[in-house]
Protein backbone atom coordinates (compact mmCIF):
# COMPACT_ATOMS: atom_id res chain seq x y z
CA MET A 1 0.00 0.00 0.00
CA LEU A 2 2.80 2.22 0.66
CA GLN A 3 3.90 1.97 -2.86
CA ARG A 4 0.52 2.93 -4.27
CA THR A 5 0.38 6.08 -2.26
CA SER A 6 3.75 7.15 -3.48
CA GLU A 7 2.75 6.53 -7.13
CA SER A 8 -0.31 8.73 -6.82
CA GLN A 9 1.79 11.39 -5.20
CA VAL A 10 4.26 11.15 -8.05
CA ASP A 11 1.40 11.39 -10.61
CA ASP A 12 0.09 14.47 -8.83
CA ALA A 13 3.52 16.02 -8.78
CA VAL A 14 4.11 15.31 -12.50
CA ALA A 15 0.67 16.54 -13.72
CA PRO A 16 1.05 20.03 -15.10
CA ALA A 17 -0.83 22.81 -13.38
CA PRO A 18 -3.72 24.29 -15.41
CA ARG A 19 -2.50 27.25 -17.50
CA ARG A 20 -3.92 30.65 -16.82
CA ARG A 21 -4.85 32.60 -19.89
CA ALA A 22 -3.09 35.84 -20.39
CA PRO A 23 -5.32 38.72 -19.23
CA ARG A 24 -4.55 40.78 -22.35
CA ALA A 25 -5.87 38.05 -24.68
CA VAL A 26 -9.10 37.74 -22.68
CA ILE A 27 -9.64 41.50 -22.69
CA ALA A 28 -8.91 41.73 -26.44
CA ALA A 29 -11.34 38.89 -27.23
CA GLY A 30 -14.04 40.49 -25.07
CA ALA A 31 -13.52 43.87 -26.73
CA ALA A 32 -13.76 42.25 -30.18
CA LEU A 33 -17.03 40.53 -29.24
CA VAL A 34 -18.50 43.77 -27.86
CA ALA A 35 -17.44 45.67 -31.01
CA ALA A 36 -18.96 42.99 -33.25
CA GLY A 37 -22.22 43.09 -31.28
CA LEU A 38 -22.43 46.89 -31.43
CA GLY A 39 -21.66 46.87 -35.16
CA ALA A 40 -24.36 44.28 -35.86
CA ALA A 41 -26.88 46.24 -33.79
CA TRP A 42 -26.02 49.46 -35.64
CA ILE A 43 -26.35 47.81 -39.07
CA LEU A 44 -29.62 46.06 -38.25
CA SER A 45 -31.30 49.01 -36.52
CA GLU A 46 -33.48 51.45 -38.48
CA PRO A 47 -31.95 54.85 -39.12
CA ALA A 48 -33.05 57.75 -36.94
CA SER A 49 -33.72 59.98 -39.96
CA GLN A 50 -35.22 59.21 -43.33
CA SER A 51 -32.94 59.42 -46.34
CA THR A 52 -33.31 58.80 -50.05
CA ASP A 53 -30.83 57.59 -52.60
CA ASP A 54 -32.60 59.06 -55.64
CA ALA A 55 -33.19 62.55 -54.18
CA TYR A 56 -36.93 62.35 -54.93
CA VAL A 57 -39.41 63.97 -52.59
CA GLY A 58 -43.10 63.24 -53.07
CA ALA A 59 -45.31 66.34 -53.29
CA ASP A 60 -48.63 67.53 -54.63
CA ALA A 61 -48.27 69.04 -58.08
CA THR A 62 -50.73 70.43 -60.59
CA SER A 63 -50.32 71.10 -64.29
CA VAL A 64 -50.86 74.72 -65.28
CA ALA A 65 -51.82 75.85 -68.79
CA PRO A 66 -52.86 79.31 -70.04
CA ARG A 67 -56.14 79.97 -71.81
CA ILE A 68 -54.38 82.04 -74.47
CA LYS A 69 -50.94 81.94 -76.08
CA GLY A 70 -48.38 84.66 -75.60
CA PHE A 71 -45.12 85.72 -74.03
CA VAL A 72 -44.96 85.98 -70.23
CA SER A 73 -44.34 89.55 -69.10
CA ALA A 74 -44.47 89.00 -65.30
CA VAL A 75 -44.55 86.04 -62.92
CA LEU A 76 -46.78 86.84 -59.92
CA VAL A 77 -45.84 83.89 -57.64
CA GLU A 78 -42.60 82.56 -56.22
CA GLU A 79 -41.30 79.02 -56.21
CA ASN A 80 -43.05 76.73 -53.67
CA GLN A 81 -45.64 79.42 -52.85
CA ALA A 82 -49.13 78.12 -52.06
CA VAL A 83 -51.84 79.52 -54.35
CA ARG A 84 -55.62 79.28 -54.46
CA ALA A 85 -57.74 78.22 -57.42
CA GLY A 86 -58.38 81.11 -59.79
CA ALA A 87 -55.50 83.26 -58.52
CA PRO A 88 -53.41 84.84 -61.30
CA LEU A 89 -50.00 83.21 -61.62
CA LEU A 90 -48.51 85.34 -64.39
CA ARG A 91 -49.21 88.11 -66.87
CA ILE A 92 -49.07 87.55 -70.60
CA ASP A 93 -47.67 90.35 -72.76
CA PRO A 94 -50.73 92.15 -74.19
CA GLU A 95 -48.95 93.37 -77.36
CA GLU A 96 -49.19 90.09 -79.25
CA TYR A 97 -52.63 89.40 -77.80
CA GLY A 98 -53.76 92.92 -78.81
CA ALA A 99 -52.54 92.35 -82.38
CA ARG A 100 -54.47 89.10 -82.57
CA ARG A 101 -57.55 90.82 -81.15
CA ALA A 102 -57.30 93.60 -83.76
CA THR A 103 -57.02 90.95 -86.48
CA ALA A 104 -60.06 89.12 -85.11
CA GLU A 105 -62.06 92.38 -84.93
CA ALA A 106 -61.11 93.16 -88.55
CA ASP A 107 -62.21 89.67 -89.60
CA LEU A 108 -65.50 90.20 -87.75
CA ALA A 109 -66.03 93.53 -89.53
CA ASP A 110 -65.35 91.81 -92.89
CA ALA A 111 -67.87 89.09 -92.04
CA ARG A 112 -70.51 91.67 -91.05
CA ALA A 113 -69.89 93.56 -94.31
CA ALA A 114 -70.27 90.29 -96.25
CA VAL A 115 -73.59 89.63 -94.47
CA ALA A 116 -74.78 93.15 -95.31
CA ALA A 117 -73.74 92.68 -98.95
CA ALA A 118 -75.56 89.33 -99.09
CA ARG A 119 -78.72 90.91 -97.66
CA ALA A 120 -78.48 93.76 -100.19
CA ALA A 121 -78.05 91.23 -103.01
CA LEU A 122 -81.07 89.31 -101.71
CA VAL A 123 -83.18 92.47 -101.66
CA ARG A 124 -81.98 93.40 -105.16
CA GLN A 125 -82.75 89.89 -106.42
CA GLY A 126 -86.22 90.08 -104.89
CA THR A 127 -86.76 93.47 -106.52
CA GLU A 128 -85.58 92.17 -109.89
CA GLU A 129 -87.89 89.17 -109.55
CA ALA A 130 -90.86 91.41 -108.73
CA LEU A 131 -89.99 93.63 -111.70
CA ALA A 132 -89.79 90.60 -113.99
CA ARG A 133 -93.24 89.41 -112.83
CA ALA A 134 -94.70 92.82 -113.36
CA GLN A 135 -93.28 93.01 -116.85
CA ALA A 136 -94.50 89.48 -117.63
CA GLY A 137 -97.99 90.36 -116.34
CA ALA A 138 -98.07 93.58 -118.38
CA ALA A 139 -97.01 91.78 -121.54
CA ALA A 140 -99.65 89.12 -121.18
């Protein structure tokens, strides 16, 4: 028995002591894990502010078209200004519009003169027809 005890003591004496890890390696590994966790949380979290990649912002927009053609002489609103329906947005140069109006008035005067000439021709034709009947009745 004596011998067995000495063998176990020898085995205990020969067995290496458990190694302690270096404290710098443990701290570095822990810091790397914390950094990886924070990076993953930052990537997976939603951003605090909204951003766009195509620089498009949705907004209400309305097409605007003039009732008449012409050159713009004055713009009465500024960019992004709110306006109400029916409010004037710009002024069209009246010179070209005035020339077109004068042309239209001249065309109207020509048409009225043509109507008056047609009525006069109708009256003359009626008079000639009445004269022809009277002459035919007198000859008969």
